[in-house]
Amino acid sequence: MSEVSIACILKYLVKGVDPNRDAQHRLQDELLDLLRDATTVVVLPVVQGFSIEIEMQTLRPFSRTSFEPYVAEHVLPEAVQICCRPPGEIQLQLLKAHYA
């Protein structure tokens, strides 16, 4: 099996945003749009933020070592800025990274 065909589950905690229902739905839709190969995106409210779980069946064109940094450094910050309009700096924490 080549490295690009590996599936994964990533779970993040995003803090510093208002976890209202409208932002939750916008963020979920935006992540599904940005990560077209995602099989599941679950966005749940937590105190001052969201819990985000992303399940991918394939990482193409990324490798195992490049996919998570791409999501954490580009996809999530952009989606949160667009959908949640945070009043200040957001805090992003990787809670889980499982590769199969």
PDB file of N, CA and C in Angstrom:
ATOM      1  N   MET A   1       0.847  -1.173   0.000  1.00  0.00           N
ATOM      2  CA  MET A   1       0.000   0.000   0.000  1.00  0.00           C
ATOM      3  C   MET A   1       0.894   1.239   0.000  1.00  0.00           C
ATOM      4  N   SER A   2       0.646   2.162  -0.905  1.00  0.00           N
ATOM      5  CA  SER A   2       1.446   3.378  -0.943  1.00  0.00           C
ATOM      6  C   SER A   2       0.980   4.347   0.139  1.00  0.00           C
ATOM      7  N   GLU A   3       1.869   5.255   0.484  1.00  0.00           N
ATOM      8  CA  GLU A   3       1.585   6.159   1.594  1.00  0.00           C
ATOM      9  C   GLU A   3       0.399   7.083   1.317  1.00  0.00           C
ATOM     10  N   VAL A   4       0.173   7.459   0.048  1.00  0.00           N
ATOM     11  CA  VAL A   4      -0.906   8.395  -0.262  1.00  0.00           C
ATOM     12  C   VAL A   4      -2.292   7.767  -0.173  1.00  0.00           C
ATOM     13  N   SER A   5      -2.380   6.443  -0.060  1.00  0.00           N
ATOM     14  CA  SER A   5      -3.692   5.821   0.026  1.00  0.00           C
ATOM     15  C   SER A   5      -4.116   5.548   1.465  1.00  0.00           C
ATOM     16  N   ILE A   6      -3.385   6.033   2.411  1.00  0.00           N
ATOM     17  CA  ILE A   6      -3.683   5.839   3.831  1.00  0.00           C
ATOM     18  C   ILE A   6      -4.894   6.683   4.226  1.00  0.00           C
ATOM     19  N   ALA A   7      -5.783   6.091   5.013  1.00  0.00           N
ATOM     20  CA  ALA A   7      -6.935   6.816   5.551  1.00  0.00           C
ATOM     21  C   ALA A   7      -6.565   7.367   6.923  1.00  0.00           C
ATOM     22  N   CYS A   8      -7.289   8.382   7.374  1.00  0.00           N
ATOM     23  CA  CYS A   8      -6.978   8.942   8.691  1.00  0.00           C
ATOM     24  C   CYS A   8      -8.196   9.595   9.331  1.00  0.00           C
ATOM     25  N   ILE A   9      -8.064   9.766  10.647  1.00  0.00           N
ATOM     26  CA  ILE A   9      -9.025  10.525  11.436  1.00  0.00           C
ATOM     27  C   ILE A   9      -8.227  11.560  12.216  1.00  0.00           C
ATOM     28  N   LEU A  10      -8.590  12.811  12.062  1.00  0.00           N
ATOM     29  CA  LEU A  10      -7.958  13.908  12.796  1.00  0.00           C
ATOM     30  C   LEU A  10      -9.011  14.564  13.673  1.00  0.00           C
ATOM     31  N   LYS A  11      -8.652  14.848  14.918  1.00  0.00           N
ATOM     32  CA  LYS A  11      -9.576  15.530  15.821  1.00  0.00           C
ATOM     33  C   LYS A  11      -8.860  16.731  16.422  1.00  0.00           C
ATOM     34  N   TYR A  12      -9.503  17.885  16.340  1.00  0.00           N
ATOM     35  CA  TYR A  12      -8.937  19.148  16.813  1.00  0.00           C
ATOM     36  C   TYR A  12      -9.869  19.822  17.809  1.00  0.00           C
ATOM     37  N   LEU A  13      -9.269  20.683  18.599  1.00  0.00           N
ATOM     38  CA  LEU A  13     -10.007  21.588  19.465  1.00  0.00           C
ATOM     39  C   LEU A  13      -9.667  22.997  19.004  1.00  0.00           C
ATOM     40  N   VAL A  14     -10.693  23.764  18.671  1.00  0.00           N
ATOM     41  CA  VAL A  14     -10.522  25.158  18.246  1.00  0.00           C
ATOM     42  C   VAL A  14     -11.123  26.032  19.327  1.00  0.00           C
ATOM     43  N   LYS A  15     -10.320  26.894  19.918  1.00  0.00           N
ATOM     44  CA  LYS A  15     -10.782  27.795  20.984  1.00  0.00           C
ATOM     45  C   LYS A  15     -10.622  29.243  20.518  1.00  0.00           C
ATOM     46  N   GLY A  16     -11.436  30.111  21.103  1.00  0.00           N
ATOM     47  CA  GLY A  16     -11.353  31.533  20.786  1.00  0.00           C
ATOM     48  C   GLY A  16     -12.435  32.006  19.837  1.00  0.00           C
ATOM     49  N   VAL A  17     -13.489  31.194  19.680  1.00  0.00           N
ATOM     50  CA  VAL A  17     -14.607  31.576  18.812  1.00  0.00           C
ATOM     51  C   VAL A  17     -15.919  31.357  19.567  1.00  0.00           C
ATOM     52  N   ASP A  18     -16.957  32.022  19.105  1.00  0.00           N
ATOM     53  CA  ASP A  18     -18.289  31.847  19.679  1.00  0.00           C
ATOM     54  C   ASP A  18     -18.906  30.588  19.067  1.00  0.00           C
ATOM     55  N   PRO A  19     -19.208  29.583  19.879  1.00  0.00           N
ATOM     56  CA  PRO A  19     -19.719  28.326  19.339  1.00  0.00           C
ATOM     57  C   PRO A  19     -21.224  28.338  19.062  1.00  0.00           C
ATOM     58  N   ASN A  20     -21.684  29.333  18.324  1.00  0.00           N
ATOM     59  CA  ASN A  20     -23.114  29.389  18.025  1.00  0.00           C
ATOM     60  C   ASN A  20     -23.468  28.432  16.885  1.00  0.00           C
ATOM     61  N   ARG A  21     -24.729  28.107  16.793  1.00  0.00           N
ATOM     62  CA  ARG A  21     -25.213  27.102  15.834  1.00  0.00           C
ATOM     63  C   ARG A  21     -24.952  27.510  14.381  1.00  0.00           C
ATOM     64  N   ASP A  22     -25.121  28.775  14.065  1.00  0.00           N
ATOM     65  CA  ASP A  22     -24.908  29.246  12.695  1.00  0.00           C
ATOM     66  C   ASP A  22     -23.448  29.055  12.292  1.00  0.00           C
ATOM     67  N   ALA A  23     -22.517  29.458  13.154  1.00  0.00           N
ATOM     68  CA  ALA A  23     -21.088  29.287  12.873  1.00  0.00           C
ATOM     69  C   ALA A  23     -20.735  27.806  12.763  1.00  0.00           C
ATOM     70  N   GLN A  24     -21.349  26.988  13.595  1.00  0.00           N
ATOM     71  CA  GLN A  24     -21.103  25.545  13.563  1.00  0.00           C
ATOM     72  C   GLN A  24     -21.457  24.967  12.191  1.00  0.00           C
ATOM     73  N   HIS A  25     -22.624  25.302  11.681  1.00  0.00           N
ATOM     74  CA  HIS A  25     -23.066  24.784  10.379  1.00  0.00           C
ATOM     75  C   HIS A  25     -22.219  25.343   9.235  1.00  0.00           C
ATOM     76  N   ARG A  26     -21.905  26.639   9.296  1.00  0.00           N
ATOM     77  CA  ARG A  26     -21.058  27.243   8.254  1.00  0.00           C
ATOM     78  C   ARG A  26     -19.682  26.590   8.240  1.00  0.00           C
ATOM     79  N   LEU A  27     -19.109  26.362   9.426  1.00  0.00           N
ATOM     80  CA  LEU A  27     -17.781  25.769   9.519  1.00  0.00           C
ATOM     81  C   LEU A  27     -17.788  24.334   8.983  1.00  0.00           C
ATOM     82  N   GLN A  28     -18.787  23.565   9.324  1.00  0.00           N
ATOM     83  CA  GLN A  28     -18.877  22.196   8.820  1.00  0.00           C
ATOM     84  C   GLN A  28     -18.993  22.187   7.293  1.00  0.00           C
ATOM     85  N   ASP A  29     -19.837  23.031   6.743  1.00  0.00           N
ATOM     86  CA  ASP A  29     -20.001  23.109   5.289  1.00  0.00           C
ATOM     87  C   ASP A  29     -18.706  23.566   4.607  1.00  0.00           C
ATOM     88  N   GLU A  30     -18.027  24.537   5.192  1.00  0.00           N
ATOM     89  CA  GLU A  30     -16.776  25.045   4.616  1.00  0.00           C
ATOM     90  C   GLU A  30     -15.699  23.966   4.619  1.00  0.00           C
ATOM     91  N   LEU A  31     -15.590  23.218   5.700  1.00  0.00           N
ATOM     92  CA  LEU A  31     -14.591  22.147   5.768  1.00  0.00           C
ATOM     93  C   LEU A  31     -14.902  21.033   4.765  1.00  0.00           C
ATOM     94  N   LEU A  32     -16.162  20.701   4.598  1.00  0.00           N
ATOM     95  CA  LEU A  32     -16.535  19.709   3.588  1.00  0.00           C
ATOM     96  C   LEU A  32     -16.205  20.203   2.185  1.00  0.00           C
ATOM     97  N   ASP A  33     -16.338  21.497   1.960  1.00  0.00           N
ATOM     98  CA  ASP A  33     -16.002  22.078   0.663  1.00  0.00           C
ATOM     99  C   ASP A  33     -14.488  22.092   0.447  1.00  0.00           C
ATOM    100  N   LEU A  34     -13.730  22.457   1.471  1.00  0.00           N
ATOM    101  CA  LEU A  34     -12.270  22.535   1.358  1.00  0.00           C
ATOM    102  C   LEU A  34     -11.611  21.160   1.301  1.00  0.00           C
ATOM    103  N   LEU A  35     -12.192  20.201   1.985  1.00  0.00           N
ATOM    104  CA  LEU A  35     -11.646  18.837   2.027  1.00  0.00           C
ATOM    105  C   LEU A  35     -12.613  17.901   1.288  1.00  0.00           C
ATOM    106  N   ARG A  36     -12.616  17.990   0.003  1.00  0.00           N
ATOM    107  CA  ARG A  36     -13.606  17.274  -0.824  1.00  0.00           C
ATOM    108  C   ARG A  36     -13.551  15.757  -0.673  1.00  0.00           C
ATOM    109  N   ASP A  37     -12.401  15.212  -0.268  1.00  0.00           N
ATOM    110  CA  ASP A  37     -12.286  13.763  -0.079  1.00  0.00           C
ATOM    111  C   ASP A  37     -12.664  13.326   1.338  1.00  0.00           C
ATOM    112  N   ALA A  38     -13.104  14.255   2.162  1.00  0.00           N
ATOM    113  CA  ALA A  38     -13.500  13.897   3.527  1.00  0.00           C
ATOM    114  C   ALA A  38     -14.777  13.053   3.474  1.00  0.00           C
ATOM    115  N   THR A  39     -14.771  11.946   4.205  1.00  0.00           N
ATOM    116  CA  THR A  39     -15.963  11.123   4.276  1.00  0.00           C
ATOM    117  C   THR A  39     -16.879  11.608   5.390  1.00  0.00           C
ATOM    118  N   THR A  40     -16.279  12.193   6.434  1.00  0.00           N
ATOM    119  CA  THR A  40     -17.050  12.710   7.557  1.00  0.00           C
ATOM    120  C   THR A  40     -16.360  13.943   8.125  1.00  0.00           C
ATOM    121  N   VAL A  41     -17.146  14.968   8.406  1.00  0.00           N
ATOM    122  CA  VAL A  41     -16.673  16.136   9.156  1.00  0.00           C
ATOM    123  C   VAL A  41     -17.725  16.409  10.224  1.00  0.00           C
ATOM    124  N   VAL A  42     -17.302  16.355  11.489  1.00  0.00           N
ATOM    125  CA  VAL A  42     -18.217  16.600  12.605  1.00  0.00           C
ATOM    126  C   VAL A  42     -17.691  17.804  13.383  1.00  0.00           C
ATOM    127  N   VAL A  43     -18.528  18.818  13.517  1.00  0.00           N
ATOM    128  CA  VAL A  43     -18.184  20.018  14.273  1.00  0.00           C
ATOM    129  C   VAL A  43     -19.167  20.108  15.440  1.00  0.00           C
ATOM    130  N   LEU A  44     -18.630  20.071  16.658  1.00  0.00           N
ATOM    131  CA  LEU A  44     -19.460  20.123  17.858  1.00  0.00           C
ATOM    132  C   LEU A  44     -19.043  21.300  18.732  1.00  0.00           C
ATOM    133  N   PRO A  45     -20.013  21.992  19.332  1.00  0.00           N
ATOM    134  CA  PRO A  45     -19.672  23.125  20.197  1.00  0.00           C
ATOM    135  C   PRO A  45     -19.061  22.656  21.516  1.00  0.00           C
ATOM    136  N   VAL A  46     -18.085  23.418  21.985  1.00  0.00           N
ATOM    137  CA  VAL A  46     -17.498  23.268  23.316  1.00  0.00           C
ATOM    138  C   VAL A  46     -17.402  24.673  23.893  1.00  0.00           C
ATOM    139  N   VAL A  47     -16.990  24.808  25.125  1.00  0.00           N
ATOM    140  CA  VAL A  47     -16.872  26.122  25.746  1.00  0.00           C
ATOM    141  C   VAL A  47     -15.862  26.961  24.956  1.00  0.00           C
ATOM    142  N   GLN A  48     -16.294  28.101  24.444  1.00  0.00           N
ATOM    143  CA  GLN A  48     -15.483  29.049  23.683  1.00  0.00           C
ATOM    144  C   GLN A  48     -14.837  28.442  22.451  1.00  0.00           C
ATOM    145  N   GLY A  49     -15.546  27.517  21.780  1.00  0.00           N
ATOM    146  CA  GLY A  49     -14.969  26.957  20.570  1.00  0.00           C
ATOM    147  C   GLY A  49     -15.710  25.749  20.034  1.00  0.00           C
ATOM    148  N   PHE A  50     -14.971  24.954  19.253  1.00  0.00           N
ATOM    149  CA  PHE A  50     -15.524  23.768  18.621  1.00  0.00           C
ATOM    150  C   PHE A  50     -14.559  22.608  18.704  1.00  0.00           C
ATOM    151  N   SER A  51     -15.127  21.430  18.746  1.00  0.00           N
ATOM    152  CA  SER A  51     -14.391  20.191  18.550  1.00  0.00           C
ATOM    153  C   SER A  51     -14.652  19.796  17.100  1.00  0.00           C
ATOM    154  N   ILE A  52     -13.579  19.477  16.358  1.00  0.00           N
ATOM    155  CA  ILE A  52     -13.716  19.154  14.943  1.00  0.00           C
ATOM    156  C   ILE A  52     -13.062  17.801  14.687  1.00  0.00           C
ATOM    157  N   GLU A  53     -13.833  16.891  14.104  1.00  0.00           N
ATOM    158  CA  GLU A  53     -13.293  15.597  13.723  1.00  0.00           C
ATOM    159  C   GLU A  53     -13.449  15.431  12.220  1.00  0.00           C
ATOM    160  N   ILE A  54     -12.333  15.074  11.575  1.00  0.00           N
ATOM    161  CA  ILE A  54     -12.290  14.921  10.125  1.00  0.00           C
ATOM    162  C   ILE A  54     -11.850  13.500   9.816  1.00  0.00           C
ATOM    163  N   GLU A  55     -12.636  12.812   8.998  1.00  0.00           N
ATOM    164  CA  GLU A  55     -12.269  11.467   8.570  1.00  0.00           C
ATOM    165  C   GLU A  55     -12.049  11.477   7.066  1.00  0.00           C
ATOM    166  N   MET A  56     -10.890  10.966   6.664  1.00  0.00           N
ATOM    167  CA  MET A  56     -10.515  10.908   5.254  1.00  0.00           C
ATOM    168  C   MET A  56     -10.260   9.457   4.869  1.00  0.00           C
ATOM    169  N   GLN A  57     -10.734   9.049   3.703  1.00  0.00           N
ATOM    170  CA  GLN A  57     -10.440   7.701   3.205  1.00  0.00           C
ATOM    171  C   GLN A  57      -9.140   7.666   2.417  1.00  0.00           C
ATOM    172  N   THR A  58      -8.755   8.801   1.874  1.00  0.00           N
ATOM    173  CA  THR A  58      -7.495   8.896   1.131  1.00  0.00           C
ATOM    174  C   THR A  58      -6.867  10.259   1.403  1.00  0.00           C
ATOM    175  N   LEU A  59      -5.556  10.296   1.400  1.00  0.00           N
ATOM    176  CA  LEU A  59      -4.845  11.555   1.632  1.00  0.00           C
ATOM    177  C   LEU A  59      -4.306  12.153   0.340  1.00  0.00           C
ATOM    178  N   ARG A  60      -4.601  11.538  -0.784  1.00  0.00           N
ATOM    179  CA  ARG A  60      -4.071  12.026  -2.062  1.00  0.00           C
ATOM    180  C   ARG A  60      -4.318  13.503  -2.223  1.00  0.00           C
ATOM    181  N   PRO A  61      -3.416  14.295  -2.662  1.00  0.00           N
ATOM    182  CA  PRO A  61      -2.060  13.999  -3.104  1.00  0.00           C
ATOM    183  C   PRO A  61      -1.022  14.103  -1.980  1.00  0.00           C
ATOM    184  N   PHE A  62      -1.457  14.094  -0.734  1.00  0.00           N
ATOM    185  CA  PHE A  62      -0.556  14.283   0.400  1.00  0.00           C
ATOM    186  C   PHE A  62      -0.012  12.955   0.909  1.00  0.00           C
ATOM    187  N   SER A  63       1.029  13.062   1.721  1.00  0.00           N
ATOM    188  CA  SER A  63       1.554  11.897   2.433  1.00  0.00           C
ATOM    189  C   SER A  63       1.079  11.978   3.882  1.00  0.00           C
ATOM    190  N   ARG A  64       1.345  10.943   4.621  1.00  0.00           N
ATOM    191  CA  ARG A  64       0.971  10.900   6.035  1.00  0.00           C
ATOM    192  C   ARG A  64       1.623  12.042   6.815  1.00  0.00           C
ATOM    193  N   THR A  65       2.853  12.358   6.503  1.00  0.00           N
ATOM    194  CA  THR A  65       3.573  13.395   7.245  1.00  0.00           C
ATOM    195  C   THR A  65       3.215  14.816   6.811  1.00  0.00           C
ATOM    196  N   SER A  66       2.631  14.984   5.639  1.00  0.00           N
ATOM    197  CA  SER A  66       2.325  16.344   5.185  1.00  0.00           C
ATOM    198  C   SER A  66       0.853  16.723   5.324  1.00  0.00           C
ATOM    199  N   PHE A  67      -0.038  15.750   5.470  1.00  0.00           N
ATOM    200  CA  PHE A  67      -1.462  16.061   5.486  1.00  0.00           C
ATOM    201  C   PHE A  67      -1.894  16.816   6.742  1.00  0.00           C
ATOM    202  N   GLU A  68      -1.552  16.308   7.915  1.00  0.00           N
ATOM    203  CA  GLU A  68      -1.986  16.960   9.161  1.00  0.00           C
ATOM    204  C   GLU A  68      -1.465  18.393   9.261  1.00  0.00           C
ATOM    205  N   PRO A  69      -0.174  18.665   8.967  1.00  0.00           N
ATOM    206  CA  PRO A  69       0.269  20.066   9.004  1.00  0.00           C
ATOM    207  C   PRO A  69      -0.482  20.953   8.009  1.00  0.00           C
ATOM    208  N   TYR A  70      -0.816  20.411   6.842  1.00  0.00           N
ATOM    209  CA  TYR A  70      -1.581  21.185   5.864  1.00  0.00           C
ATOM    210  C   TYR A  70      -2.945  21.572   6.435  1.00  0.00           C
ATOM    211  N   VAL A  71      -3.622  20.618   7.056  1.00  0.00           N
ATOM    212  CA  VAL A  71      -4.940  20.892   7.644  1.00  0.00           C
ATOM    213  C   VAL A  71      -4.806  21.904   8.776  1.00  0.00           C
ATOM    214  N   ALA A  72      -3.832  21.703   9.663  1.00  0.00           N
ATOM    215  CA  ALA A  72      -3.670  22.568  10.840  1.00  0.00           C
ATOM    216  C   ALA A  72      -3.185  23.971  10.501  1.00  0.00           C
ATOM    217  N   GLU A  73      -2.353  24.100   9.491  1.00  0.00           N
ATOM    218  CA  GLU A  73      -1.758  25.406   9.182  1.00  0.00           C
ATOM    219  C   GLU A  73      -2.510  26.195   8.124  1.00  0.00           C
ATOM    220  N   HIS A  74      -3.304  25.507   7.293  1.00  0.00           N
ATOM    221  CA  HIS A  74      -3.969  26.201   6.194  1.00  0.00           C
ATOM    222  C   HIS A  74      -5.488  26.051   6.211  1.00  0.00           C
ATOM    223  N   VAL A  75      -5.960  24.811   6.211  1.00  0.00           N
ATOM    224  CA  VAL A  75      -7.400  24.566   6.059  1.00  0.00           C
ATOM    225  C   VAL A  75      -8.194  25.072   7.263  1.00  0.00           C
ATOM    226  N   LEU A  76      -7.858  24.605   8.465  1.00  0.00           N
ATOM    227  CA  LEU A  76      -8.638  24.996   9.646  1.00  0.00           C
ATOM    228  C   LEU A  76      -8.571  26.501   9.933  1.00  0.00           C
ATOM    229  N   PRO A  77      -7.379  27.125   9.951  1.00  0.00           N
ATOM    230  CA  PRO A  77      -7.371  28.568  10.220  1.00  0.00           C
ATOM    231  C   PRO A  77      -8.199  29.372   9.209  1.00  0.00           C
ATOM    232  N   GLU A  78      -8.103  29.010   7.928  1.00  0.00           N
ATOM    233  CA  GLU A  78      -8.872  29.727   6.906  1.00  0.00           C
ATOM    234  C   GLU A  78     -10.370  29.532   7.119  1.00  0.00           C
ATOM    235  N   ALA A  79     -10.784  28.298   7.346  1.00  0.00           N
ATOM    236  CA  ALA A  79     -12.208  28.017   7.539  1.00  0.00           C
ATOM    237  C   ALA A  79     -12.757  28.719   8.781  1.00  0.00           C
ATOM    238  N   VAL A  80     -11.999  28.705   9.871  1.00  0.00           N
ATOM    239  CA  VAL A  80     -12.438  29.358  11.109  1.00  0.00           C
ATOM    240  C   VAL A  80     -12.548  30.868  10.909  1.00  0.00           C
ATOM    241  N   GLN A  81     -11.579  31.477  10.229  1.00  0.00           N
ATOM    242  CA  GLN A  81     -11.630  32.918   9.966  1.00  0.00           C
ATOM    243  C   GLN A  81     -12.851  33.285   9.136  1.00  0.00           C
ATOM    244  N   ILE A  82     -13.142  32.489   8.118  1.00  0.00           N
ATOM    245  CA  ILE A  82     -14.270  32.763   7.228  1.00  0.00           C
ATOM    246  C   ILE A  82     -15.610  32.569   7.945  1.00  0.00           C
ATOM    247  N   CYS A  83     -15.735  31.488   8.684  1.00  0.00           N
ATOM    248  CA  CYS A  83     -17.038  31.087   9.228  1.00  0.00           C
ATOM    249  C   CYS A  83     -17.339  31.616  10.624  1.00  0.00           C
ATOM    250  N   CYS A  84     -16.321  31.836  11.423  1.00  0.00           N
ATOM    251  CA  CYS A  84     -16.549  32.176  12.834  1.00  0.00           C
ATOM    252  C   CYS A  84     -16.193  33.610  13.181  1.00  0.00           C
ATOM    253  N   ARG A  85     -15.434  34.277  12.350  1.00  0.00           N
ATOM    254  CA  ARG A  85     -15.008  35.659  12.588  1.00  0.00           C
ATOM    255  C   ARG A  85     -14.554  35.861  14.038  1.00  0.00           C
ATOM    256  N   PRO A  86     -13.473  35.173  14.423  1.00  0.00           N
ATOM    257  CA  PRO A  86     -13.023  35.258  15.817  1.00  0.00           C
ATOM    258  C   PRO A  86     -12.595  36.682  16.178  1.00  0.00           C
ATOM    259  N   PRO A  87     -12.899  37.111  17.404  1.00  0.00           N
ATOM    260  CA  PRO A  87     -12.546  38.469  17.835  1.00  0.00           C
ATOM    261  C   PRO A  87     -11.046  38.648  18.051  1.00  0.00           C
ATOM    262  N   GLY A  88     -10.333  37.561  18.238  1.00  0.00           N
ATOM    263  CA  GLY A  88      -8.882  37.620  18.465  1.00  0.00           C
ATOM    264  C   GLY A  88      -8.222  36.422  17.830  1.00  0.00           C
ATOM    265  N   GLU A  89      -7.125  36.027  18.414  1.00  0.00           N
ATOM    266  CA  GLU A  89      -6.381  34.900  17.891  1.00  0.00           C
ATOM    267  C   GLU A  89      -7.042  33.583  18.309  1.00  0.00           C
ATOM    268  N   ILE A  90      -7.127  32.647  17.366  1.00  0.00           N
ATOM    269  CA  ILE A  90      -7.688  31.340  17.689  1.00  0.00           C
ATOM    270  C   ILE A  90      -6.591  30.427  18.217  1.00  0.00           C
ATOM    271  N   GLN A  91      -6.991  29.465  19.019  1.00  0.00           N
ATOM    272  CA  GLN A  91      -6.077  28.441  19.521  1.00  0.00           C
ATOM    273  C   GLN A  91      -6.511  27.119  18.910  1.00  0.00           C
ATOM    274  N   LEU A  92      -5.558  26.423  18.305  1.00  0.00           N
ATOM    275  CA  LEU A  92      -5.837  25.167  17.636  1.00  0.00           C
ATOM    276  C   LEU A  92      -4.982  24.078  18.261  1.00  0.00           C
ATOM    277  N   GLN A  93      -5.631  23.001  18.681  1.00  0.00           N
ATOM    278  CA  GLN A  93      -4.917  21.900  19.323  1.00  0.00           C
ATOM    279  C   GLN A  93      -5.320  20.584  18.669  1.00  0.00           C
ATOM    280  N   LEU A  94      -4.320  19.806  18.256  1.00  0.00           N
ATOM    281  CA  LEU A  94      -4.575  18.474  17.717  1.00  0.00           C
ATOM    282  C   LEU A  94      -4.810  17.538  18.894  1.00  0.00           C
ATOM    283  N   LEU A  95      -5.970  16.899  18.936  1.00  0.00           N
ATOM    284  CA  LEU A  95      -6.302  15.970  20.010  1.00  0.00           C
ATOM    285  C   LEU A  95      -6.027  14.527  19.627  1.00  0.00           C
ATOM    286  N   LYS A  96      -6.173  14.223  18.327  1.00  0.00           N
ATOM    287  CA  LYS A  96      -6.027  12.846  17.879  1.00  0.00           C
ATOM    288  C   LYS A  96      -5.630  12.817  16.417  1.00  0.00           C
ATOM    289  N   ALA A  97      -4.707  11.946  16.072  1.00  0.00           N
ATOM    290  CA  ALA A  97      -4.343  11.678  14.685  1.00  0.00           C
ATOM    291  C   ALA A  97      -4.184  10.177  14.557  1.00  0.00           C
ATOM    292  N   HIS A  98      -5.121   9.544  13.876  1.00  0.00           N
ATOM    293  CA  HIS A  98      -5.098   8.091  13.722  1.00  0.00           C
ATOM    294  C   HIS A  98      -5.026   7.767  12.241  1.00  0.00           C
ATOM    295  N   TYR A  99      -4.014   6.998  11.857  1.00  0.00           N
ATOM    296  CA  TYR A  99      -3.835   6.609  10.451  1.00  0.00           C
ATOM    297  C   TYR A  99      -4.034   5.106  10.325  1.00  0.00           C
ATOM    298  N   ALA A 100      -4.718   4.689   9.264  1.00  0.00           N
ATOM    299  CA  ALA A 100      -4.964   3.262   9.036  1.00  0.00           C
ATOM    300  C   ALA A 100      -4.362   2.829   7.710  1.00  0.00           C
TER     301      ALA A 100
END
